[in-house]
Protein backbone atom coordinates (compact mmCIF):
# COMPACT_ATOMS: atom_id res chain seq x y z
CA UNK A 1 6.35 91.96 -16.81
CA UNK A 2 8.88 88.67 -16.35
CA UNK A 3 8.51 89.03 -12.57
CA UNK A 4 4.70 89.12 -12.69
CA UNK A 5 4.55 85.87 -14.57
CA UNK A 6 6.93 84.12 -12.05
CA UNK A 7 5.13 85.54 -9.16
CA UNK A 8 1.85 84.44 -10.74
CA UNK A 9 3.19 80.84 -11.36
CA UNK A 10 4.71 80.55 -7.95
CA UNK A 11 1.34 81.50 -6.39
CA UNK A 12 -0.48 79.07 -8.44
CA UNK A 13 1.85 76.34 -7.60
CA UNK A 14 1.67 77.22 -3.94
CA UNK A 15 -2.16 77.16 -4.03
CA UNK A 16 -2.40 73.72 -5.82
CA UNK A 17 -0.33 72.01 -3.01
CA UNK A 18 -3.00 71.57 -0.43
CA UNK A 19 -5.44 70.08 -2.79
CA UNK A 20 -2.75 67.55 -4.04
CA UNK A 21 -2.29 66.68 -0.29
CA UNK A 22 -5.73 66.31 0.47
CA UNK A 23 -6.61 63.94 -2.10
CA UNK A 24 -3.32 61.66 -1.43
CA UNK A 25 -4.03 61.54 2.10
CA UNK A 26 -7.79 60.95 1.80
CA UNK A 27 -7.12 57.64 -0.34
CA UNK A 28 -4.57 56.17 2.23
CA UNK A 29 -6.94 56.59 5.49
CA UNK A 30 -9.16 53.70 6.35
CA UNK A 31 -11.59 53.32 8.90
CA UNK A 32 -10.59 51.79 12.08
CA UNK A 33 -11.08 47.85 11.89
CA UNK A 34 -12.89 45.94 14.40
CA UNK A 35 -9.76 44.44 15.89
CA UNK A 36 -8.33 47.81 16.84
CA UNK A 37 -11.60 48.96 18.34
CA UNK A 38 -11.73 45.74 20.45
CA UNK A 39 -7.84 46.08 21.32
CA UNK A 40 -8.41 49.53 22.38
CA UNK A 41 -11.33 48.48 24.75
CA UNK A 42 -9.15 45.90 26.30
CA UNK A 43 -6.73 48.21 27.13
CA UNK A 44 -9.22 50.70 28.61
CA UNK A 45 -10.61 47.68 30.75
CA UNK A 46 -7.07 46.89 31.75
CA UNK A 47 -6.21 50.38 32.89
CA UNK A 48 -9.52 50.63 34.83
CA UNK A 49 -8.97 47.44 36.67
CA UNK A 50 -5.39 48.59 37.37
CA UNK A 51 -6.63 51.93 38.78
CA UNK A 52 -9.31 50.29 40.87
CA UNK A 53 -6.55 47.79 42.38
CA UNK A 54 -4.21 50.72 43.02
CA UNK A 55 -6.97 52.63 44.73
CA UNK A 56 -7.67 50.02 47.11
CA UNK A 57 -3.92 49.67 47.85
CA UNK A 58 -3.72 53.27 48.59
CA UNK A 59 -6.67 53.23 50.77
CA UNK A 60 -5.15 50.11 52.97
CA UNK A 61 -1.97 51.95 52.99
CA UNK A 62 -3.71 55.12 54.18
CA UNK A 63 -5.24 53.24 56.99
CA UNK A 64 -2.10 51.68 58.08
CA UNK A 65 -0.47 54.98 58.13
CA UNK A 66 -2.96 56.52 60.10
CA UNK A 67 -2.73 53.55 62.76
CA UNK A 68 1.07 53.85 62.82
CA UNK A 69 0.85 57.73 63.29
CA UNK A 70 -1.67 57.16 66.17
CA UNK A 71 0.57 54.70 67.98
CA UNK A 72 3.79 57.23 67.36
CA UNK A 73 1.85 59.88 68.94
CA UNK A 74 0.66 58.10 71.76
CA UNK A 75 4.29 56.82 72.56
CA UNK A 76 5.58 60.46 72.34
CA UNK A 77 2.96 61.51 74.64
CA UNK A 78 3.87 58.79 76.93
CA UNK A 79 7.58 59.75 76.71
CA UNK A 80 6.76 63.49 77.34
CA UNK A 81 4.57 62.54 80.33
CA UNK A 82 7.25 60.32 81.90
CA UNK A 83 9.84 63.09 81.35
CA UNK A 84 7.47 65.80 83.23
CA UNK A 85 6.92 63.44 86.10
CA UNK A 86 10.56 62.97 86.49
CA UNK A 87 11.15 66.56 86.66
CA UNK A 88 8.51 67.42 89.47
């Protein structure tokens, strides 16, 4: 009988914990202020600007890389053509 009473008390104590935690955390939370919202909007705008600039830079890089590859390929073709002409 003593074990049943201890078990019942333990179950009651554990079931009361979430209710205590909910009321304590509910009183501490506050809605976001306008300053926080404004700060997050500025951060989002800064990230968007950064992403745009990086995208533009990547495009320029890809174009320059393609032009360099074209020059390399032309030089390789010319070198191979000269090598074949010397053998003949």
